[in-house]
N, C-alpha and C. Protein backbone atom coordinates (compact mmCIF):
# COMPACT_ATOMS: atom_id res chain seq x y z
N MET A 1 24.73 12.68 226.83
CA MET A 1 24.47 11.91 225.66
C MET A 1 24.03 12.78 224.50
N GLU A 2 23.43 13.85 224.82
CA GLU A 2 23.02 14.75 223.76
C GLU A 2 24.22 15.32 223.03
N GLU A 3 25.27 15.55 223.75
CA GLU A 3 26.46 16.08 223.11
C GLU A 3 27.05 15.05 222.15
N GLY A 4 27.00 13.79 222.50
CA GLY A 4 27.49 12.72 221.63
C GLY A 4 26.62 12.60 220.39
N GLN A 5 25.31 12.74 220.60
CA GLN A 5 24.41 12.70 219.46
C GLN A 5 24.64 13.90 218.56
N TYR A 6 24.88 15.05 219.19
CA TYR A 6 25.12 16.26 218.41
C TYR A 6 26.39 16.09 217.57
N ASP A 7 27.43 15.55 218.17
CA ASP A 7 28.67 15.31 217.43
C ASP A 7 28.43 14.32 216.29
N TYR A 8 27.63 13.30 216.57
CA TYR A 8 27.33 12.30 215.53
C TYR A 8 26.60 12.95 214.37
N TYR A 9 25.57 13.77 214.69
CA TYR A 9 24.80 14.43 213.65
C TYR A 9 25.65 15.46 212.91
N ALA A 10 26.49 16.17 213.63
CA ALA A 10 27.36 17.16 213.01
C ALA A 10 28.35 16.46 212.07
N GLN A 11 28.91 15.36 212.56
CA GLN A 11 29.85 14.60 211.73
C GLN A 11 29.14 14.03 210.51
N SER A 12 27.93 13.54 210.71
CA SER A 12 27.15 12.98 209.62
C SER A 12 26.81 14.07 208.61
N ALA A 13 26.46 15.25 209.08
CA ALA A 13 26.14 16.37 208.19
C ALA A 13 27.38 16.79 207.42
N MET A 14 28.52 16.81 208.08
CA MET A 14 29.76 17.19 207.40
C MET A 14 30.13 16.14 206.35
N ASP A 15 29.93 14.87 206.68
CA ASP A 15 30.20 13.81 205.71
C ASP A 15 29.27 13.94 204.51
N SER A 16 28.00 14.24 204.78
CA SER A 16 27.03 14.43 203.70
C SER A 16 27.43 15.62 202.84
N ASN A 17 27.82 16.72 203.47
CA ASN A 17 28.25 17.90 202.71
C ASN A 17 29.49 17.60 201.87
N THR A 18 30.40 16.85 202.44
CA THR A 18 31.61 16.48 201.70
C THR A 18 31.25 15.60 200.51
N LYS A 19 30.35 14.65 200.72
CA LYS A 19 29.92 13.78 199.63
C LYS A 19 29.22 14.59 198.54
N ILE A 20 28.39 15.54 198.96
CA ILE A 20 27.68 16.39 197.99
C ILE A 20 28.68 17.21 197.19
N ARG A 21 29.67 17.80 197.87
CA ARG A 21 30.69 18.58 197.17
C ARG A 21 31.49 17.70 196.21
N ASP A 22 31.82 16.50 196.64
CA ASP A 22 32.54 15.58 195.76
C ASP A 22 31.71 15.23 194.53
N LEU A 23 30.42 14.97 194.76
CA LEU A 23 29.54 14.66 193.63
C LEU A 23 29.39 15.86 192.70
N GLU A 24 29.27 17.05 193.28
CA GLU A 24 29.17 18.26 192.45
C GLU A 24 30.44 18.46 191.64
N GLU A 25 31.59 18.20 192.25
CA GLU A 25 32.88 18.33 191.54
C GLU A 25 32.97 17.31 190.41
N LYS A 26 32.57 16.08 190.69
CA LYS A 26 32.57 15.05 189.64
C LYS A 26 31.63 15.43 188.51
N GLN A 27 30.46 15.97 188.87
CA GLN A 27 29.49 16.39 187.86
C GLN A 27 30.07 17.53 187.02
N ARG A 28 30.77 18.47 187.65
CA ARG A 28 31.37 19.58 186.93
C ARG A 28 32.47 19.08 185.98
N VAL A 29 33.29 18.15 186.45
CA VAL A 29 34.34 17.58 185.61
C VAL A 29 33.73 16.84 184.42
N LEU A 30 32.69 16.05 184.68
CA LEU A 30 32.02 15.33 183.60
C LEU A 30 31.40 16.29 182.59
N LYS A 31 30.81 17.37 183.10
CA LYS A 31 30.22 18.38 182.22
C LYS A 31 31.31 19.01 181.34
N ASP A 32 32.45 19.36 181.94
CA ASP A 32 33.55 19.93 181.17
C ASP A 32 34.06 18.96 180.11
N ARG A 33 34.18 17.70 180.49
CA ARG A 33 34.63 16.68 179.53
C ARG A 33 33.63 16.53 178.39
N LEU A 34 32.36 16.53 178.73
CA LEU A 34 31.32 16.40 177.71
C LEU A 34 31.35 17.58 176.76
N LEU A 35 31.53 18.79 177.29
CA LEU A 35 31.62 19.97 176.43
C LEU A 35 32.84 19.89 175.52
N LEU A 36 33.95 19.41 176.06
CA LEU A 36 35.17 19.27 175.27
C LEU A 36 34.99 18.23 174.17
N ILE A 37 34.35 17.13 174.51
CA ILE A 37 34.08 16.09 173.50
C ILE A 37 33.17 16.64 172.41
N GLY A 38 32.14 17.38 172.81
CA GLY A 38 31.24 17.98 171.83
C GLY A 38 31.96 18.96 170.92
N GLN A 39 32.84 19.77 171.50
CA GLN A 39 33.61 20.73 170.71
C GLN A 39 34.54 20.00 169.73
N ASN A 40 35.19 18.95 170.21
CA ASN A 40 36.06 18.17 169.32
C ASN A 40 35.27 17.51 168.20
N LEU A 41 34.07 17.05 168.52
CA LEU A 41 33.22 16.43 167.51
C LEU A 41 32.84 17.44 166.44
N ILE A 42 32.49 18.64 166.86
CA ILE A 42 32.12 19.69 165.90
C ILE A 42 33.31 20.03 165.01
N GLU A 43 34.50 20.17 165.62
CA GLU A 43 35.70 20.48 164.85
C GLU A 43 36.02 19.37 163.86
N ALA A 44 35.87 18.13 164.29
CA ALA A 44 36.13 16.99 163.41
C ALA A 44 35.15 16.97 162.25
N LYS A 45 33.89 17.30 162.53
CA LYS A 45 32.88 17.33 161.47
C LYS A 45 33.20 18.42 160.47
N GLU A 46 33.58 19.60 160.95
CA GLU A 46 33.91 20.70 160.05
C GLU A 46 35.13 20.36 159.20
N LYS A 47 36.13 19.74 159.80
CA LYS A 47 37.33 19.35 159.05
C LYS A 47 36.98 18.29 158.01
N SER A 48 36.14 17.34 158.38
CA SER A 48 35.73 16.31 157.44
C SER A 48 34.97 16.91 156.27
N ALA A 49 34.09 17.86 156.57
CA ALA A 49 33.33 18.52 155.50
C ALA A 49 34.27 19.29 154.58
N GLN A 50 35.26 19.96 155.14
CA GLN A 50 36.21 20.71 154.33
C GLN A 50 37.06 19.75 153.48
N ASP A 51 37.50 18.66 154.07
CA ASP A 51 38.28 17.67 153.33
C ASP A 51 37.45 17.07 152.20
N LEU A 52 36.18 16.80 152.47
CA LEU A 52 35.30 16.25 151.45
C LEU A 52 35.13 17.23 150.29
N LEU A 53 35.00 18.51 150.61
CA LEU A 53 34.86 19.53 149.58
C LEU A 53 36.12 19.58 148.71
N GLU A 54 37.29 19.51 149.33
CA GLU A 54 38.54 19.51 148.58
C GLU A 54 38.65 18.27 147.69
N ILE A 55 38.23 17.13 148.21
CA ILE A 55 38.27 15.90 147.43
C ILE A 55 37.33 16.00 146.23
N LYS A 56 36.17 16.60 146.43
CA LYS A 56 35.23 16.78 145.31
C LYS A 56 35.83 17.69 144.25
N LYS A 57 36.50 18.76 144.67
CA LYS A 57 37.13 19.66 143.70
C LYS A 57 38.22 18.93 142.92
N GLU A 58 39.05 18.18 143.64
CA GLU A 58 40.12 17.43 142.98
C GLU A 58 39.54 16.38 142.03
N LEU A 59 38.46 15.75 142.42
CA LEU A 59 37.81 14.76 141.56
C LEU A 59 37.29 15.41 140.29
N GLU A 60 36.74 16.60 140.41
CA GLU A 60 36.24 17.32 139.24
C GLU A 60 37.39 17.66 138.30
N ILE A 61 38.52 18.08 138.86
CA ILE A 61 39.70 18.38 138.04
C ILE A 61 40.18 17.11 137.34
N ILE A 62 40.19 16.00 138.06
CA ILE A 62 40.61 14.72 137.46
C ILE A 62 39.67 14.33 136.33
N LYS A 63 38.36 14.53 136.53
CA LYS A 63 37.40 14.22 135.47
C LYS A 63 37.65 15.07 134.23
N GLN A 64 37.92 16.35 134.43
CA GLN A 64 38.20 17.23 133.29
C GLN A 64 39.47 16.79 132.57
N ASN A 65 40.50 16.46 133.33
CA ASN A 65 41.74 15.99 132.72
C ASN A 65 41.53 14.69 131.96
N MET A 66 40.73 13.79 132.52
CA MET A 66 40.44 12.53 131.83
C MET A 66 39.69 12.78 130.54
N GLY A 67 38.75 13.72 130.56
CA GLY A 67 38.01 14.07 129.35
C GLY A 67 38.94 14.60 128.27
N ARG A 68 39.85 15.49 128.67
CA ARG A 68 40.81 16.03 127.69
C ARG A 68 41.73 14.93 127.18
N LEU A 69 42.15 14.05 128.06
CA LEU A 69 43.02 12.95 127.65
C LEU A 69 42.30 12.02 126.68
N MET A 70 41.04 11.73 126.97
CA MET A 70 40.26 10.85 126.08
C MET A 70 40.10 11.49 124.70
N SER A 71 39.79 12.79 124.66
CA SER A 71 39.62 13.44 123.36
C SER A 71 40.96 13.48 122.61
N PHE A 72 42.06 13.69 123.33
CA PHE A 72 43.37 13.67 122.69
C PHE A 72 43.67 12.29 122.12
N LEU A 73 43.39 11.23 122.90
CA LEU A 73 43.63 9.88 122.41
C LEU A 73 42.77 9.54 121.21
N GLU A 74 41.53 10.00 121.21
CA GLU A 74 40.66 9.77 120.05
C GLU A 74 41.21 10.47 118.82
N MET A 75 41.69 11.70 119.00
CA MET A 75 42.26 12.45 117.88
C MET A 75 43.52 11.76 117.36
N VAL A 76 44.38 11.33 118.28
CA VAL A 76 45.62 10.67 117.87
C VAL A 76 45.33 9.35 117.18
N SER A 77 44.39 8.58 117.70
CA SER A 77 44.07 7.30 117.06
C SER A 77 43.47 7.53 115.68
N GLY A 78 42.72 8.61 115.52
CA GLY A 78 42.19 8.94 114.20
C GLY A 78 43.30 9.33 113.24
N GLU A 79 44.31 10.01 113.72
CA GLU A 79 45.44 10.40 112.89
C GLU A 79 46.31 9.20 112.53
N PHE A 80 46.45 8.25 113.44
CA PHE A 80 47.27 7.08 113.16
C PHE A 80 46.70 6.26 112.01
N SER A 81 45.41 6.23 111.89
CA SER A 81 44.81 5.45 110.80
C SER A 81 45.13 6.07 109.44
N LYS A 82 45.51 7.34 109.42
CA LYS A 82 45.86 8.00 108.16
C LYS A 82 47.28 7.67 107.72
N PHE A 83 48.13 7.25 108.62
CA PHE A 83 49.51 6.92 108.28
C PHE A 83 49.59 5.50 107.73
N ALA A 84 50.57 5.29 106.85
CA ALA A 84 50.78 3.96 106.30
C ALA A 84 51.48 3.09 107.34
N ARG A 85 51.07 1.85 107.39
CA ARG A 85 51.71 0.93 108.32
C ARG A 85 52.99 0.41 107.70
N LYS A 86 53.87 -0.13 108.51
CA LYS A 86 55.15 -0.64 108.04
C LYS A 86 54.94 -1.77 107.03
N ASP A 87 53.96 -2.62 107.30
CA ASP A 87 53.68 -3.73 106.38
C ASP A 87 53.26 -3.20 105.01
N ASP A 88 52.42 -2.16 105.03
CA ASP A 88 51.97 -1.57 103.77
C ASP A 88 53.15 -1.00 102.99
N LEU A 89 54.05 -0.34 103.69
CA LEU A 89 55.22 0.24 103.02
C LEU A 89 56.13 -0.84 102.45
N GLU A 90 56.28 -1.94 103.15
CA GLU A 90 57.11 -3.04 102.65
C GLU A 90 56.51 -3.64 101.39
N ILE A 91 55.20 -3.79 101.36
CA ILE A 91 54.53 -4.33 100.18
C ILE A 91 54.72 -3.39 99.00
N LEU A 92 54.56 -2.09 99.22
CA LEU A 92 54.75 -1.12 98.14
C LEU A 92 56.20 -1.13 97.65
N ALA A 93 57.15 -1.29 98.56
CA ALA A 93 58.56 -1.33 98.16
C ALA A 93 58.83 -2.57 97.30
N LYS A 94 58.26 -3.71 97.66
CA LYS A 94 58.44 -4.93 96.87
C LYS A 94 57.82 -4.77 95.49
N GLN A 95 56.65 -4.16 95.43
CA GLN A 95 56.00 -3.95 94.14
C GLN A 95 56.82 -3.01 93.27
N ALA A 96 57.40 -1.99 93.88
CA ALA A 96 58.22 -1.05 93.11
C ALA A 96 59.47 -1.75 92.58
N LYS A 97 60.06 -2.63 93.37
CA LYS A 97 61.24 -3.37 92.92
C LYS A 97 60.89 -4.29 91.76
N MET A 98 59.72 -4.90 91.83
CA MET A 98 59.32 -5.81 90.75
C MET A 98 59.04 -5.03 89.47
N PHE A 99 58.49 -3.89 89.58
CA PHE A 99 58.10 -3.12 88.40
C PHE A 99 59.30 -2.38 87.82
N LYS A 100 60.15 -1.82 88.63
CA LYS A 100 61.34 -1.08 88.27
C LYS A 100 61.07 -0.12 87.11
N PRO A 101 60.36 0.96 87.36
CA PRO A 101 60.01 1.88 86.29
C PRO A 101 61.23 2.54 85.63
N LEU A 102 62.29 2.72 86.32
CA LEU A 102 63.47 3.34 85.71
C LEU A 102 64.09 2.42 84.67
N ASP A 103 64.08 1.12 84.94
CA ASP A 103 64.63 0.17 83.97
C ASP A 103 63.80 0.16 82.70
N LEU A 104 62.49 0.28 82.83
CA LEU A 104 61.64 0.31 81.64
C LEU A 104 61.92 1.54 80.80
N ILE A 105 62.15 2.66 81.47
CA ILE A 105 62.43 3.89 80.73
C ILE A 105 63.77 3.77 80.02
N ARG A 106 64.76 3.22 80.67
CA ARG A 106 66.08 3.06 80.07
C ARG A 106 66.04 2.11 78.88
N LYS A 107 65.32 1.01 79.05
CA LYS A 107 65.23 0.02 77.97
C LYS A 107 64.42 0.56 76.80
N GLY A 108 63.38 1.32 77.15
CA GLY A 108 62.52 1.87 76.10
C GLY A 108 63.23 2.94 75.30
N GLY A 109 64.16 3.64 75.91
CA GLY A 109 64.86 4.73 75.25
C GLY A 109 65.99 4.23 74.36
N LYS A 110 66.45 3.04 74.45
CA LYS A 110 67.57 2.52 73.67
C LYS A 110 67.19 2.09 72.34
C-alpha cells in the first residue's frame, strides 16, 4: 500500500509542478503582453504629442495668413472708398449733358 501511496503522492506532486509551470507560463505571457501594451501606449503618446505640435505650428501659420489677409482686405476696402461709384459717374454724366459746356462755347463765340 505504501507503493500506491507513493505513486499517488508522486502523481500529485507532478500535477502540482505542471500546474505551477502552467501558471508561471501564463504569468510570463501576461507580463509580455503588459509590456507590449505599455510600449504601444508610450509610442501612441509620443505620436500624439508630435501631431499636436505640428497642428499648433500649422495653426500659427494660419493665424499669420489670416492677419495678412485681414490687413490686405482693410487696405483694399480703404482704396475702394476712394474710387467713384457707378451711380456717381452716371449722375456726373447727366449733369455734363445738361450743362453741355462745348455748346455754350460755340454759341458764345458766334
